[in-house]
Protein backbone atom coordinates (compact mmCIF):
# COMPACT_ATOMS: atom_id res chain seq x y z
CA UNK A 1 10.67 204.77 125.64
CA UNK A 2 6.87 204.83 125.72
CA UNK A 3 5.24 201.46 125.06
CA UNK A 4 1.44 201.65 124.80
CA UNK A 5 -0.45 198.68 126.29
CA UNK A 6 -4.15 197.82 126.13
CA UNK A 7 -5.65 195.42 128.66
CA UNK A 8 -8.75 193.37 129.25
CA UNK A 9 -10.96 194.09 132.25
CA UNK A 10 -9.27 191.18 134.05
CA UNK A 11 -5.81 192.75 133.68
CA UNK A 12 -4.48 190.61 130.82
CA UNK A 13 -2.52 192.14 127.97
CA UNK A 14 -4.91 192.61 125.04
CA UNK A 15 -2.67 194.54 122.64
CA UNK A 16 0.63 196.36 122.54
CA UNK A 17 1.44 199.20 120.21
CA UNK A 18 3.95 197.64 117.79
CA UNK A 19 6.10 200.79 117.56
CA UNK A 20 7.79 202.03 120.77
CA UNK A 21 7.67 205.82 120.96
CA UNK A 22 11.04 207.26 121.93
CA UNK A 23 11.55 210.36 123.98
CA UNK A 24 9.39 212.14 126.50
CA UNK A 25 6.11 212.16 124.61
CA UNK A 26 2.60 212.60 125.96
CA UNK A 27 0.52 209.42 126.07
CA UNK A 28 -2.06 211.03 123.79
CA UNK A 29 0.62 211.35 121.07
CA UNK A 30 2.11 207.92 121.79
CA UNK A 31 -1.30 206.22 121.45
CA UNK A 32 -1.41 207.02 117.75
CA UNK A 33 2.34 206.99 117.03
CA UNK A 34 2.72 203.53 118.57
CA UNK A 35 0.12 201.97 116.30
CA UNK A 36 -2.12 200.97 119.21
CA UNK A 37 -4.88 203.23 117.92
CA UNK A 38 -5.01 201.19 114.70
CA UNK A 39 -5.00 197.87 116.59
CA UNK A 40 -7.97 199.01 118.70
CA UNK A 41 -9.94 200.60 115.85
CA UNK A 42 -13.66 200.02 116.33
CA UNK A 43 -13.32 198.80 119.93
CA UNK A 44 -14.39 200.82 122.96
CA UNK A 45 -11.33 201.99 124.90
CA UNK A 46 -11.10 203.58 128.36
CA UNK A 47 -8.16 205.65 129.58
CA UNK A 48 -7.11 208.30 132.08
CA UNK A 49 -7.45 212.08 131.73
CA UNK A 50 -4.25 212.26 129.67
CA UNK A 51 -6.24 210.80 126.77
CA UNK A 52 -9.17 213.25 127.02
CA UNK A 53 -10.28 214.23 123.50
CA UNK A 54 -8.06 211.62 121.80
CA UNK A 55 -9.63 209.98 118.77
CA UNK A 56 -10.05 206.26 119.49
CA UNK A 57 -10.51 206.64 123.26
CA UNK A 58 -14.21 206.52 124.05
CA UNK A 59 -14.26 206.56 127.86
CA UNK A 60 -12.29 208.93 130.11
CA UNK A 61 -12.73 210.26 133.64
CA UNK A 62 -14.72 213.40 134.32
CA UNK A 63 -12.62 216.46 135.08
CA UNK A 64 -13.80 218.84 137.78
CA UNK A 65 -14.42 222.36 136.48
CA UNK A 66 -12.06 225.04 137.79
CA UNK A 67 -13.10 225.99 141.31
CA UNK A 68 -15.93 223.45 141.42
CA UNK A 69 -16.48 219.85 142.41
CA UNK A 70 -17.75 216.91 140.42
CA UNK A 71 -21.38 215.91 140.73
CA UNK A 72 -21.83 212.79 142.88
CA UNK A 73 -22.66 210.67 139.83
CA UNK A 74 -19.49 211.88 138.07
CA UNK A 75 -17.37 211.08 141.13
CA UNK A 76 -18.96 207.61 141.29
CA UNK A 77 -18.21 207.09 137.59
CA UNK A 78 -14.58 208.12 138.10
CA UNK A 79 -14.26 205.67 140.99
CA UNK A 80 -15.58 202.81 138.84
CA UNK A 81 -13.28 203.79 135.99
CA UNK A 82 -10.31 203.76 138.38
CA UNK A 83 -10.97 200.05 138.96
CA UNK A 84 -10.86 199.43 135.22
CA UNK A 85 -7.67 201.43 134.88
CA UNK A 86 -6.14 199.39 137.72
CA UNK A 87 -6.55 196.31 135.51
CA UNK A 88 -4.59 198.09 132.79
CA UNK A 89 -1.82 198.84 135.28
CA UNK A 90 -1.61 195.11 136.11
CA UNK A 91 -1.15 194.39 132.40
CA UNK A 92 1.59 197.03 132.17
CA UNK A 93 3.29 195.43 135.17
CA UNK A 94 3.18 192.07 133.34
CA UNK A 95 4.82 193.57 130.28
CA UNK A 96 7.56 195.11 132.43
CA UNK A 97 8.11 191.78 134.20
CA UNK A 98 8.45 189.93 130.89
CA UNK A 99 10.91 192.53 129.63
CA UNK A 100 12.91 192.51 132.87
CA UNK A 101 13.18 188.72 132.92
CA UNK A 102 14.44 188.68 129.33
CA UNK A 103 16.88 191.56 129.67
CA UNK A 104 18.34 190.63 133.04
CA UNK A 105 16.86 193.61 134.87
CA UNK A 106 17.02 196.24 132.13
CA UNK A 107 13.72 197.80 131.05
CA UNK A 108 14.69 199.17 127.66
CA UNK A 109 14.33 196.19 125.35
CA UNK A 110 13.30 196.64 121.72
CA UNK A 111 9.85 195.31 120.91
CA UNK A 112 11.21 192.20 119.18
CA UNK A 113 12.82 191.18 122.49
CA UNK A 114 9.45 191.63 124.21
CA UNK A 115 7.80 189.39 121.63
CA UNK A 116 10.36 186.62 122.03
CA UNK A 117 10.28 186.63 125.84
CA UNK A 118 6.51 187.00 126.10
CA UNK A 119 6.00 183.96 123.91
CA UNK A 120 8.06 181.96 126.41
CA UNK A 121 6.49 183.53 129.52
CA UNK A 122 4.28 181.13 131.51
CA UNK A 123 1.72 183.89 132.09
CA UNK A 124 1.54 184.63 128.40
CA UNK A 125 1.76 181.23 126.73
CA UNK A 126 -1.23 179.92 128.69
CA UNK A 127 -3.58 182.24 126.83
CA UNK A 128 -4.57 181.39 123.26
CA UNK A 129 -5.73 184.98 122.76
CA UNK A 130 -2.36 186.38 123.79
CA UNK A 131 -0.57 183.89 121.55
CA UNK A 132 -2.69 185.06 118.60
CA UNK A 133 -1.89 188.66 119.57
CA UNK A 134 1.84 187.92 119.57
CA UNK A 135 1.53 186.36 116.11
CA UNK A 136 -0.29 189.46 114.90
CA UNK A 137 2.41 191.73 116.35
CA UNK A 138 5.14 189.66 114.66
CA UNK A 139 3.32 190.06 111.34
CA UNK A 140 2.96 193.81 111.91
CA UNK A 141 6.64 194.16 112.75
CA UNK A 142 7.66 192.09 109.76
CA UNK A 143 5.43 194.14 107.46
CA UNK A 144 6.71 197.41 108.98
CA UNK A 145 10.28 196.47 108.24
CA UNK A 146 11.63 194.74 111.30
CA UNK A 147 13.15 196.07 114.51
CA UNK A 148 10.97 198.90 115.74
């Protein structure tokens, strides 16, 4: 299962694609199929090279040309972007922790289980923004027809 997560620069969960993408799918496909692209519409989004050329992702690392090296400024940019992406990895780790605590160690919960456990999670309930996000996701799931 591929669950797409967007994070703030501080590593907090900002949005989660409401539709888990099943199977071994590339992140570029999962970004749109999960619904995260729609949730982030109009917002600047940074991601790794797997999202290069994906509509809705505005900032990606520079790729070194075949047989060549990056310019110093490109390498410096990539280093800075790695720090931003590290924040996203912290948010993903939070999501996995919430899911593991709810499922007793199993990381394959349906999204509605994530919503219920994240609303009770101390790290999640302390943030008014995250609470509003969870309400939005519940509305999206309800509108989409339930258990995604």
